[in-house]
PDB file of N, CA and C in Angstrom:
ATOM      1  N   MET A   1      13.119  -4.242  -5.649  1.00  0.00           N
ATOM      2  CA  MET A   1      12.164  -3.506  -4.919  1.00  0.00           C
ATOM      3  C   MET A   1      12.978  -2.573  -4.077  1.00  0.00           C
ATOM      4  N   ASP A   2      12.585  -0.991  -3.724  1.00  0.00           N
ATOM      5  CA  ASP A   2      12.980  -0.460  -2.526  1.00  0.00           C
ATOM      6  C   ASP A   2      11.526   0.131  -1.963  1.00  0.00           C
ATOM      7  N   THR A   3      12.029   0.894  -1.229  1.00  0.00           N
ATOM      8  CA  THR A   3      10.668   1.816  -0.145  1.00  0.00           C
ATOM      9  C   THR A   3      10.021   2.520  -1.703  1.00  0.00           C
ATOM     10  N   ARG A   4      11.019   3.247  -2.237  1.00  0.00           N
ATOM     11  CA  ARG A   4      10.278   4.447  -2.650  1.00  0.00           C
ATOM     12  C   ARG A   4       9.367   3.191  -4.104  1.00  0.00           C
ATOM     13  N   GLU A   5       9.928   2.585  -4.758  1.00  0.00           N
ATOM     14  CA  GLU A   5       9.333   1.801  -5.484  1.00  0.00           C
ATOM     15  C   GLU A   5       8.203   0.811  -4.835  1.00  0.00           C
ATOM     16  N   LEU A   6       7.867   0.630  -3.768  1.00  0.00           N
ATOM     17  CA  LEU A   6       6.561  -0.215  -2.748  1.00  0.00           C
ATOM     18  C   LEU A   6       5.655   1.637  -2.839  1.00  0.00           C
ATOM     19  N   LEU A   7       6.227   2.199  -2.520  1.00  0.00           N
ATOM     20  CA  LEU A   7       4.822   3.577  -2.077  1.00  0.00           C
ATOM     21  C   LEU A   7       4.755   3.908  -3.316  1.00  0.00           C
ATOM     22  N   LEU A   8       5.617   3.732  -4.494  1.00  0.00           N
ATOM     23  CA  LEU A   8       4.800   4.484  -5.556  1.00  0.00           C
ATOM     24  C   LEU A   8       3.631   3.613  -5.883  1.00  0.00           C
ATOM     25  N   GLU A   9       3.882   2.209  -6.027  1.00  0.00           N
ATOM     26  CA  GLU A   9       2.949   1.411  -6.539  1.00  0.00           C
ATOM     27  C   GLU A   9       1.772   1.162  -5.628  1.00  0.00           C
ATOM     28  N   LEU A  10       1.741   1.471  -3.883  1.00  0.00           N
ATOM     29  CA  LEU A  10       0.954   1.529  -3.108  1.00  0.00           C
ATOM     30  C   LEU A  10       0.009   3.259  -3.793  1.00  0.00           C
ATOM     31  N   LEU A  11       0.524   3.974  -4.318  1.00  0.00           N
ATOM     32  CA  LEU A  11      -0.053   5.326  -4.926  1.00  0.00           C
ATOM     33  C   LEU A  11      -0.702   5.047  -5.819  1.00  0.00           C
ATOM     34  N   ARG A  12      -0.088   4.197  -6.986  1.00  0.00           N
ATOM     35  CA  ARG A  12      -0.984   3.460  -7.963  1.00  0.00           C
ATOM     36  C   ARG A  12      -2.517   2.659  -7.533  1.00  0.00           C
ATOM     37  N   VAL A  13      -1.957   1.970  -6.592  1.00  0.00           N
ATOM     38  CA  VAL A  13      -3.154   1.439  -6.350  1.00  0.00           C
ATOM     39  C   VAL A  13      -4.250   2.162  -6.022  1.00  0.00           C
ATOM     40  N   HIS A  14      -3.763   2.672  -5.105  1.00  0.00           N
ATOM     41  CA  HIS A  14      -4.662   3.915  -4.584  1.00  0.00           C
ATOM     42  C   HIS A  14      -5.858   4.607  -5.472  1.00  0.00           C
ATOM     43  N   GLN A  15      -5.227   4.942  -6.674  1.00  0.00           N
ATOM     44  CA  GLN A  15      -6.253   5.383  -7.641  1.00  0.00           C
ATOM     45  C   GLN A  15      -6.692   4.405  -8.312  1.00  0.00           C
ATOM     46  N   THR A  16      -6.566   3.003  -8.332  1.00  0.00           N
ATOM     47  CA  THR A  16      -7.377   2.530  -9.074  1.00  0.00           C
ATOM     48  C   THR A  16      -8.235   1.951  -8.523  1.00  0.00           C
ATOM     49  N   VAL A  17      -8.266   1.831  -7.439  1.00  0.00           N
ATOM     50  CA  VAL A  17      -9.339   0.966  -6.224  1.00  0.00           C
ATOM     51  C   VAL A  17     -10.290   2.241  -5.527  1.00  0.00           C
ATOM     52  N   THR A  18     -11.480   1.793  -4.957  1.00  0.00           N
ATOM     53  CA  THR A  18     -12.297   2.845  -4.386  1.00  0.00           C
ATOM     54  C   THR A  18     -11.985   2.660  -2.791  1.00  0.00           C
ATOM     55  N   GLY A  19     -11.925   3.813  -2.245  1.00  0.00           N
ATOM     56  CA  GLY A  19     -10.909   3.977  -0.796  1.00  0.00           C
ATOM     57  C   GLY A  19      -9.810   3.911  -0.724  1.00  0.00           C
ATOM     58  N   VAL A  20      -9.424   3.344   0.470  1.00  0.00           N
ATOM     59  CA  VAL A  20      -8.290   3.334   1.253  1.00  0.00           C
ATOM     60  C   VAL A  20      -7.490   1.896   0.941  1.00  0.00           C
ATOM     61  N   PRO A  21      -6.561   1.229  -0.124  1.00  0.00           N
ATOM     62  CA  PRO A  21      -6.460   0.131  -0.417  1.00  0.00           C
ATOM     63  C   PRO A  21      -6.627  -0.817   0.797  1.00  0.00           C
ATOM     64  N   THR A  22      -6.954  -1.805   0.335  1.00  0.00           N
ATOM     65  CA  THR A  22      -6.862  -3.051   1.252  1.00  0.00           C
ATOM     66  C   THR A  22      -5.868  -3.887   1.382  1.00  0.00           C
ATOM     67  N   ARG A  23      -5.716  -4.804   2.257  1.00  0.00           N
ATOM     68  CA  ARG A  23      -4.549  -6.291   1.926  1.00  0.00           C
ATOM     69  C   ARG A  23      -5.009  -7.097   0.846  1.00  0.00           C
ATOM     70  N   GLU A  24      -6.210  -6.777   0.617  1.00  0.00           N
ATOM     71  CA  GLU A  24      -6.677  -7.759  -0.503  1.00  0.00           C
ATOM     72  C   GLU A  24      -6.521  -6.606  -1.835  1.00  0.00           C
ATOM     73  N   ASP A  25      -6.415  -5.557  -1.976  1.00  0.00           N
ATOM     74  CA  ASP A  25      -6.322  -5.074  -3.178  1.00  0.00           C
ATOM     75  C   ASP A  25      -4.540  -5.354  -3.202  1.00  0.00           C
ATOM     76  N   LEU A  26      -4.150  -4.859  -2.255  1.00  0.00           N
ATOM     77  CA  LEU A  26      -2.542  -5.112  -2.108  1.00  0.00           C
ATOM     78  C   LEU A  26      -2.280  -6.551  -2.965  1.00  0.00           C
ATOM     79  N   ASP A  27      -2.872  -7.492  -2.374  1.00  0.00           N
ATOM     80  CA  ASP A  27      -2.251  -8.739  -2.838  1.00  0.00           C
ATOM     81  C   ASP A  27      -2.688  -8.645  -4.628  1.00  0.00           C
ATOM     82  N   LYS A  28      -4.334  -8.019  -4.631  1.00  0.00           N
ATOM     83  CA  LYS A  28      -4.723  -8.461  -6.224  1.00  0.00           C
ATOM     84  C   LYS A  28      -3.853  -7.206  -7.108  1.00  0.00           C
ATOM     85  N   HIS A  29      -3.595  -6.738  -6.541  1.00  0.00           N
ATOM     86  CA  HIS A  29      -3.065  -5.089  -7.609  1.00  0.00           C
ATOM     87  C   HIS A  29      -1.497  -4.690  -7.798  1.00  0.00           C
ATOM     88  N   THR A  30      -0.789  -5.502  -6.864  1.00  0.00           N
ATOM     89  CA  THR A  30       0.518  -5.395  -6.901  1.00  0.00           C
ATOM     90  C   THR A  30       1.392  -6.422  -7.654  1.00  0.00           C
ATOM     91  N   ASP A  31       2.610  -6.852  -7.452  1.00  0.00           N
ATOM     92  CA  ASP A  31       3.467  -7.578  -7.641  1.00  0.00           C
ATOM     93  C   ASP A  31       3.845  -8.001  -6.365  1.00  0.00           C
ATOM     94  N   TYR A  32       4.118  -7.310  -5.517  1.00  0.00           N
ATOM     95  CA  TYR A  32       4.420  -7.724  -3.930  1.00  0.00           C
ATOM     96  C   TYR A  32       3.068  -8.220  -2.984  1.00  0.00           C
ATOM     97  N   GLY A  33       2.285  -7.665  -2.920  1.00  0.00           N
ATOM     98  CA  GLY A  33       1.426  -7.918  -2.254  1.00  0.00           C
ATOM     99  C   GLY A  33       1.394  -7.801  -0.685  1.00  0.00           C
ATOM    100  N   ALA A  34       0.356  -8.143   0.236  1.00  0.00           N
ATOM    101  CA  ALA A  34       0.573  -7.280   1.640  1.00  0.00           C
ATOM    102  C   ALA A  34       1.741  -7.691   2.109  1.00  0.00           C
ATOM    103  N   ASP A  35       1.823  -8.727   2.049  1.00  0.00           N
ATOM    104  CA  ASP A  35       2.755  -9.052   3.034  1.00  0.00           C
ATOM    105  C   ASP A  35       4.287  -8.158   3.235  1.00  0.00           C
ATOM    106  N   THR A  36       4.760  -7.972   1.892  1.00  0.00           N
ATOM    107  CA  THR A  36       5.819  -7.126   1.707  1.00  0.00           C
ATOM    108  C   THR A  36       6.125  -6.126   2.553  1.00  0.00           C
ATOM    109  N   TYR A  37       4.603  -5.143   2.205  1.00  0.00           N
ATOM    110  CA  TYR A  37       4.472  -3.941   2.452  1.00  0.00           C
ATOM    111  C   TYR A  37       4.650  -4.278   4.207  1.00  0.00           C
ATOM    112  N   ALA A  38       3.527  -5.335   4.830  1.00  0.00           N
ATOM    113  CA  ALA A  38       3.733  -5.090   6.592  1.00  0.00           C
ATOM    114  C   ALA A  38       4.908  -5.453   7.027  1.00  0.00           C
ATOM    115  N   VAL A  39       5.954  -6.130   6.343  1.00  0.00           N
ATOM    116  CA  VAL A  39       7.218  -6.576   6.493  1.00  0.00           C
ATOM    117  C   VAL A  39       8.374  -5.056   6.515  1.00  0.00           C
ATOM    118  N   GLU A  40       8.146  -4.505   5.383  1.00  0.00           N
ATOM    119  CA  GLU A  40       9.213  -3.220   5.111  1.00  0.00           C
ATOM    120  C   GLU A  40       9.049  -2.149   6.066  1.00  0.00           C
ATOM    121  N   PHE A  41       7.619  -1.704   6.049  1.00  0.00           N
ATOM    122  CA  PHE A  41       6.550  -1.041   7.100  1.00  0.00           C
ATOM    123  C   PHE A  41       6.154  -0.899   8.294  1.00  0.00           C
ATOM    124  N   GLY A  42       6.209  -1.846   8.494  1.00  0.00           N
ATOM    125  CA  GLY A  42       5.661  -2.571  10.051  1.00  0.00           C
ATOM    126  C   GLY A  42       4.528  -3.192   9.793  1.00  0.00           C
ATOM    127  N   SER A  43       3.467  -2.673   9.129  1.00  0.00           N
ATOM    128  CA  SER A  43       2.195  -2.772   9.079  1.00  0.00           C
ATOM    129  C   SER A  43       1.375  -1.943   8.117  1.00  0.00           C
ATOM    130  N   ILE A  44       0.434  -2.596   7.393  1.00  0.00           N
ATOM    131  CA  ILE A  44      -0.107  -2.016   6.145  1.00  0.00           C
ATOM    132  C   ILE A  44      -0.432  -0.225   6.029  1.00  0.00           C
ATOM    133  N   ASP A  45      -1.271   0.226   7.883  1.00  0.00           N
ATOM    134  CA  ASP A  45      -1.306   1.203   8.245  1.00  0.00           C
ATOM    135  C   ASP A  45      -0.060   2.523   7.699  1.00  0.00           C
ATOM    136  N   ALA A  46       1.361   1.799   8.445  1.00  0.00           N
ATOM    137  CA  ALA A  46       2.193   2.342   8.711  1.00  0.00           C
ATOM    138  C   ALA A  46       3.050   2.347   7.122  1.00  0.00           C
ATOM    139  N   ALA A  47       2.793   1.773   5.875  1.00  0.00           N
ATOM    140  CA  ALA A  47       2.893   1.761   4.468  1.00  0.00           C
ATOM    141  C   ALA A  47       1.581   2.955   4.145  1.00  0.00           C
ATOM    142  N   LEU A  48       0.697   2.827   4.367  1.00  0.00           N
ATOM    143  CA  LEU A  48      -0.270   4.005   3.903  1.00  0.00           C
ATOM    144  C   LEU A  48       0.100   4.923   4.384  1.00  0.00           C
ATOM    145  N   ASP A  49       0.267   5.297   5.587  1.00  0.00           N
ATOM    146  CA  ASP A  49       0.933   7.027   6.144  1.00  0.00           C
ATOM    147  C   ASP A  49       2.047   7.210   5.384  1.00  0.00           C
ATOM    148  N   ALA A  50       3.017   6.403   5.099  1.00  0.00           N
ATOM    149  CA  ALA A  50       4.285   7.094   4.371  1.00  0.00           C
ATOM    150  C   ALA A  50       3.956   7.212   3.319  1.00  0.00           C
ATOM    151  N   ALA A  51       2.932   6.721   2.806  1.00  0.00           N
ATOM    152  CA  ALA A  51       2.477   7.270   0.641  1.00  0.00           C
ATOM    153  C   ALA A  51       1.383   8.202   1.019  1.00  0.00           C
ATOM    154  N   GLY A  52       1.323   8.856   2.461  1.00  0.00           N
ATOM    155  CA  GLY A  52       0.377  10.051   2.566  1.00  0.00           C
ATOM    156  C   GLY A  52      -1.098   9.618   2.325  1.00  0.00           C
ATOM    157  N   ILE A  53      -1.377   8.421   2.179  1.00  0.00           N
ATOM    158  CA  ILE A  53      -2.817   7.777   2.172  1.00  0.00           C
ATOM    159  C   ILE A  53      -3.274   7.864   3.459  1.00  0.00           C
ATOM    160  N   THR A  54      -4.414   8.936   3.498  1.00  0.00           N
ATOM    161  CA  THR A  54      -5.231   9.160   4.712  1.00  0.00           C
ATOM    162  C   THR A  54      -6.090   7.713   5.057  1.00  0.00           C
ATOM    163  N   THR A  55      -6.212   7.255   6.039  1.00  0.00           N
ATOM    164  CA  THR A  55      -7.145   6.433   6.251  1.00  0.00           C
ATOM    165  C   THR A  55      -8.573   6.601   7.233  1.00  0.00           C
ATOM    166  N   ASP A  56      -8.227   7.813   7.781  1.00  0.00           N
ATOM    167  CA  ASP A  56      -9.982   8.485   8.344  1.00  0.00           C
ATOM    168  C   ASP A  56     -11.021   8.425   7.459  1.00  0.00           C
ATOM    169  N   THR A  57     -11.987   7.866   7.833  1.00  0.00           N
ATOM    170  CA  THR A  57     -13.063   8.080   6.935  1.00  0.00           C
ATOM    171  C   THR A  57     -14.192   9.191   6.973  1.00  0.00           C
TER     172      THR A  57
END
């Protein structure tokens, strides 16, 4: 897996779930899990930001 693949998967999950994807969503709806995103991007929030997913409510 590479960064682009992770971002595409994150965007797919974002379209699947209601609201901003959570750690639990990433664990449930991806093959990689939340820890992979946290390691690759430094945090889940940084991964969401890199994917262009707004976390503002």
